[in-house]
C-alpha atoms as a PDB file:
ATOM      1  CA  UNK A   1     108.284  67.008-111.519  1.00  0.00           C
ATOM      2  CA  UNK A   2     105.537  67.921-109.417  1.00  0.00           C
ATOM      3  CA  UNK A   3     105.159  64.576-107.729  1.00  0.00           C
ATOM      4  CA  UNK A   4     108.662  64.320-107.251  1.00  0.00           C
ATOM      5  CA  UNK A   5     108.969  67.374-105.363  1.00  0.00           C
ATOM      6  CA  UNK A   6     106.082  66.174-102.877  1.00  0.00           C
ATOM      7  CA  UNK A   7     107.776  63.110-102.289  1.00  0.00           C
ATOM      8  CA  UNK A   8     110.598  64.913-101.766  1.00  0.00           C
ATOM      9  CA  UNK A   9     109.025  67.169 -98.943  1.00  0.00           C
ATOM     10  CA  UNK A  10     108.041  64.147 -97.431  1.00  0.00           C
ATOM     11  CA  UNK A  11     112.096  63.221 -96.626  1.00  0.00           C
ATOM     12  CA  UNK A  12     111.700  60.678 -99.866  1.00  0.00           C
ATOM     13  CA  UNK A  13     115.354  59.969-101.088  1.00  0.00           C
ATOM     14  CA  UNK A  14     114.623  58.623-104.354  1.00  0.00           C
ATOM     15  CA  UNK A  15     112.250  61.333-104.865  1.00  0.00           C
ATOM     16  CA  UNK A  16     115.058  63.761-103.565  1.00  0.00           C
ATOM     17  CA  UNK A  17     117.534  61.872-106.300  1.00  0.00           C
ATOM     18  CA  UNK A  18     115.298  61.728-108.947  1.00  0.00           C
ATOM     19  CA  UNK A  19     115.074  65.856-108.666  1.00  0.00           C
ATOM     20  CA  UNK A  20     118.686  66.022-108.755  1.00  0.00           C
ATOM     21  CA  UNK A  21     118.851  64.176-112.281  1.00  0.00           C
ATOM     22  CA  UNK A  22     116.500  66.197-113.526  1.00  0.00           C
ATOM     23  CA  UNK A  23     118.101  69.138-113.026  1.00  0.00           C
ATOM     24  CA  UNK A  24     121.241  67.907-113.667  1.00  0.00           C
ATOM     25  CA  UNK A  25     119.823  66.981-117.044  1.00  0.00           C
ATOM     26  CA  UNK A  26     117.228  70.016-117.895  1.00  0.00           C
ATOM     27  CA  UNK A  27     114.376  67.405-117.493  1.00  0.00           C
ATOM     28  CA  UNK A  28     110.845  69.210-116.559  1.00  0.00           C
ATOM     29  CA  UNK A  29     113.230  71.979-115.453  1.00  0.00           C
ATOM     30  CA  UNK A  30     116.144  74.330-116.994  1.00  0.00           C
ATOM     31  CA  UNK A  31     119.364  72.600-116.248  1.00  0.00           C
ATOM     32  CA  UNK A  32     120.608  73.759-113.215  1.00  0.00           C
ATOM     33  CA  UNK A  33     123.678  72.263-111.307  1.00  0.00           C
ATOM     34  CA  UNK A  34     123.537  73.961-108.523  1.00  0.00           C
ATOM     35  CA  UNK A  35     120.082  72.709-107.669  1.00  0.00           C
ATOM     36  CA  UNK A  36     120.835  69.182-108.554  1.00  0.00           C
ATOM     37  CA  UNK A  37     123.965  69.271-106.321  1.00  0.00           C
ATOM     38  CA  UNK A  38     121.699  70.200-103.512  1.00  0.00           C
ATOM     39  CA  UNK A  39     119.027  67.493-104.440  1.00  0.00           C
ATOM     40  CA  UNK A  40     121.603  64.916-104.492  1.00  0.00           C
ATOM     41  CA  UNK A  41     123.122  65.750-100.940  1.00  0.00           C
ATOM     42  CA  UNK A  42     119.489  65.927 -99.768  1.00  0.00           C
ATOM     43  CA  UNK A  43     119.169  62.556-101.059  1.00  0.00           C
ATOM     44  CA  UNK A  44     122.255  61.189 -99.403  1.00  0.00           C
ATOM     45  CA  UNK A  45     120.421  61.441 -96.119  1.00  0.00           C
ATOM     46  CA  UNK A  46     121.554  59.640 -92.676  1.00  0.00           C
ATOM     47  CA  UNK A  47     121.648  56.622 -94.363  1.00  0.00           C
ATOM     48  CA  UNK A  48     124.018  57.671 -97.285  1.00  0.00           C
ATOM     49  CA  UNK A  49     122.046  56.648-100.805  1.00  0.00           C
ATOM     50  CA  UNK A  50     124.751  55.506-102.650  1.00  0.00           C
ATOM     51  CA  UNK A  51     122.894  56.254-105.648  1.00  0.00           C
ATOM     52  CA  UNK A  52     122.692  60.027-105.006  1.00  0.00           C
ATOM     53  CA  UNK A  53     126.443  59.990-103.823  1.00  0.00           C
ATOM     54  CA  UNK A  54     127.525  58.541-106.613  1.00  0.00           C
ATOM     55  CA  UNK A  55     125.263  61.202-108.596  1.00  0.00           C
ATOM     56  CA  UNK A  56     126.636  64.017-106.497  1.00  0.00           C
ATOM     57  CA  UNK A  57     130.156  62.834-107.124  1.00  0.00           C
ATOM     58  CA  UNK A  58     129.882  62.682-111.049  1.00  0.00           C
ATOM     59  CA  UNK A  59     128.053  65.973-111.183  1.00  0.00           C
ATOM     60  CA  UNK A  60     130.569  67.709-109.240  1.00  0.00           C
ATOM     61  CA  UNK A  61     133.295  66.609-111.984  1.00  0.00           C
ATOM     62  CA  UNK A  62     131.792  69.239-114.500  1.00  0.00           C
ATOM     63  CA  UNK A  63     131.124  71.805-111.386  1.00  0.00           C
ATOM     64  CA  UNK A  64     133.104  74.981-110.891  1.00  0.00           C
ATOM     65  CA  UNK A  65     134.435  75.485-107.458  1.00  0.00           C
ATOM     66  CA  UNK A  66     132.287  78.628-107.320  1.00  0.00           C
ATOM     67  CA  UNK A  67     129.156  76.079-108.293  1.00  0.00           C
ATOM     68  CA  UNK A  68     130.024  73.494-105.600  1.00  0.00           C
ATOM     69  CA  UNK A  69     130.522  76.444-102.710  1.00  0.00           C
ATOM     70  CA  UNK A  70     126.975  77.819-103.493  1.00  0.00           C
ATOM     71  CA  UNK A  71     125.617  74.287-103.421  1.00  0.00           C
ATOM     72  CA  UNK A  72     127.096  73.591-100.130  1.00  0.00           C
ATOM     73  CA  UNK A  73     125.922  76.792 -98.617  1.00  0.00           C
ATOM     74  CA  UNK A  74     122.983  76.244 -95.986  1.00  0.00           C
ATOM     75  CA  UNK A  75     119.687  76.404 -97.699  1.00  0.00           C
ATOM     76  CA  UNK A  76     117.185  75.170 -95.433  1.00  0.00           C
ATOM     77  CA  UNK A  77     115.269  72.083 -95.445  1.00  0.00           C
ATOM     78  CA  UNK A  78     114.940  71.752 -99.349  1.00  0.00           C
ATOM     79  CA  UNK A  79     116.598  73.529-102.431  1.00  0.00           C
ATOM     80  CA  UNK A  80     114.698  76.417-103.883  1.00  0.00           C
ATOM     81  CA  UNK A  81     111.394  76.270-105.734  1.00  0.00           C
ATOM     82  CA  UNK A  82     112.724  78.614-108.633  1.00  0.00           C
ATOM     83  CA  UNK A  83     110.508  80.107-111.453  1.00  0.00           C
ATOM     84  CA  UNK A  84     112.541  78.475-114.457  1.00  0.00           C
ATOM     85  CA  UNK A  85     110.477  74.833-113.928  1.00  0.00           C
ATOM     86  CA  UNK A  86     108.009  73.937-116.447  1.00  0.00           C
ATOM     87  CA  UNK A  87     104.543  72.528-115.292  1.00  0.00           C
ATOM     88  CA  UNK A  88     104.743  68.642-115.769  1.00  0.00           C
ATOM     89  CA  UNK A  89     102.288  66.633-113.793  1.00  0.00           C
END
């Protein structure tokens, strides 16, 4: 997860999308739909990354309205780096 986060910080949409997948599936971090949605949203970017758009739309079908509202709140440049992540290089 560390390297994906570093690439995502450099506005690399494929890494941002992958972080969304990792949060959605609970791979390398605790499963968190809100964080996944935020990463997918960042990955869509100006060029509308079709994979991130599709992932975000599919995830939204499994989220509650409150979760979606929370994910859409302004959050700065990147989603939070919470303490639920595991150390994986």
